[in-house]
Amino acid sequence: MALNLAIAFGRLGFADQGDIATTYLERAFKPWCISMKTLSKGIEKETSFRGFLSMIINNPAPAAKFLPYFCSTLIQYIEEGASLDVKQLFLAIMQGVKLTVV
């Protein structure tokens, strides 16, 4: 069930990045990362990543707070063969995190 919730939460990023990101992103960040590490590569993982990363672009602070989980999860997915879109979103987020931390 946690895996299905993580997939759904990530996909919600396509629908409403503002309210979801500000209200639930910080609480869901670590569990989402843990769940995504166990999910096999496929359309569910890709769409969840793209939606989740879209939320982070609008609110990068939680990514800075959970940076080890975030980087570990994304690097694993990139090594599995993430799409170019996911890689580009990741680079954009890391720029935002860098500005938040500095």
Protein backbone atom coordinates (compact mmCIF):
# COMPACT_ATOMS: atom_id res chain seq x y z
CA MET A 1 0.00 0.00 0.00
CA ALA A 2 2.85 2.41 0.79
CA LEU A 3 4.21 1.92 -2.71
CA ASN A 4 0.85 2.72 -4.32
CA LEU A 5 0.53 5.84 -2.16
CA ALA A 6 4.02 6.96 -3.14
CA ILE A 7 3.21 6.50 -6.83
CA ALA A 8 -0.06 8.40 -6.46
CA PHE A 9 1.52 11.21 -4.44
CA GLY A 10 4.23 11.69 -7.04
CA ARG A 11 1.68 11.78 -9.84
CA LEU A 12 -0.32 14.43 -8.00
CA GLY A 13 2.53 16.78 -8.78
CA PHE A 14 1.20 17.03 -12.32
CA ALA A 15 -2.20 18.22 -11.10
CA ASP A 16 -1.52 20.69 -8.31
CA GLN A 17 2.06 21.48 -7.43
CA GLY A 18 1.38 24.49 -5.23
CA ASP A 19 -0.97 23.23 -2.52
CA ILE A 20 0.37 19.70 -2.38
CA ALA A 21 3.98 20.80 -2.27
CA THR A 22 3.48 23.29 0.52
CA THR A 23 1.15 21.14 2.60
CA TYR A 24 2.40 17.56 2.30
CA LEU A 25 5.77 17.48 0.55
CA GLU A 26 7.93 17.64 3.66
CA ARG A 27 6.00 14.86 5.44
CA ALA A 28 5.94 12.62 2.37
CA PHE A 29 9.49 13.23 1.19
CA LYS A 30 11.40 10.50 3.05
CA PRO A 31 8.72 7.76 2.70
CA TRP A 32 8.41 8.58 -1.03
CA CYS A 33 12.17 8.18 -1.51
CA ILE A 34 12.23 4.87 0.33
CA SER A 35 9.28 3.53 -1.68
CA MET A 36 10.71 4.61 -5.03
CA LYS A 37 13.94 2.74 -4.32
CA THR A 38 11.99 -0.52 -4.13
CA LEU A 39 9.85 0.08 -7.24
CA SER A 40 10.98 -1.54 -10.48
CA LYS A 41 11.64 0.66 -13.49
CA GLY A 42 8.47 1.32 -15.48
CA ILE A 43 5.85 3.88 -16.34
CA GLU A 44 4.61 4.08 -12.73
CA LYS A 45 8.06 5.00 -11.48
CA GLU A 46 8.69 7.46 -14.33
CA THR A 47 5.43 9.35 -13.87
CA SER A 48 5.79 9.43 -10.10
CA PHE A 49 9.30 10.82 -10.41
CA ARG A 50 8.29 13.46 -12.92
CA GLY A 51 5.37 14.65 -10.79
CA PHE A 52 7.35 14.59 -7.57
CA LEU A 53 10.25 16.49 -9.11
CA SER A 54 7.80 19.05 -10.48
CA MET A 55 6.58 19.68 -6.93
CA ILE A 56 10.14 20.13 -5.68
CA ILE A 57 10.92 22.72 -8.34
CA ASN A 58 8.26 24.91 -6.73
CA ASN A 59 9.37 24.11 -3.16
CA PRO A 60 13.04 22.98 -2.96
CA ALA A 61 13.44 23.37 0.82
CA PRO A 62 12.38 19.78 1.69
CA ALA A 63 14.92 18.47 -0.83
CA ALA A 64 17.64 20.26 1.10
CA LYS A 65 16.37 18.79 4.39
CA PHE A 66 16.31 15.22 3.04
CA LEU A 67 19.24 15.57 0.65
CA PRO A 68 20.87 12.16 1.33
CA TYR A 69 17.59 10.29 0.68
CA PHE A 70 16.80 12.45 -2.32
CA CYS A 71 20.19 12.03 -4.00
CA SER A 72 20.39 8.32 -3.28
CA THR A 73 16.95 7.69 -4.76
CA LEU A 74 17.56 9.79 -7.86
CA ILE A 75 21.02 8.41 -8.53
CA GLN A 76 19.66 4.87 -8.32
CA TYR A 77 16.93 5.74 -10.82
CA ILE A 78 19.34 7.51 -13.16
CA GLU A 79 21.53 4.40 -13.13
CA GLU A 80 18.44 2.31 -13.98
CA GLY A 81 17.88 4.46 -17.06
CA ALA A 82 15.73 7.44 -16.09
CA SER A 83 14.44 9.61 -18.92
CA LEU A 84 16.19 12.77 -20.03
CA ASP A 85 13.29 14.78 -18.56
CA VAL A 86 13.94 13.34 -15.10
CA LYS A 87 17.66 14.04 -15.40
CA GLN A 88 17.01 17.65 -16.41
CA LEU A 89 14.53 18.16 -13.57
CA PHE A 90 17.08 16.73 -11.13
CA LEU A 91 19.74 19.20 -12.32
CA ALA A 92 17.30 22.11 -11.99
CA ILE A 93 16.37 21.02 -8.47
CA MET A 94 19.98 20.71 -7.40
CA GLN A 95 20.52 24.30 -8.54
CA GLY A 96 17.56 25.35 -6.37
CA VAL A 97 18.85 23.35 -3.40
CA LYS A 98 22.26 24.95 -3.83
CA LEU A 99 20.67 28.40 -3.59
CA THR A 100 18.69 27.32 -0.52
CA VAL A 101 21.73 25.95 1.31
CA VAL A 102 24.15 28.77 0.48
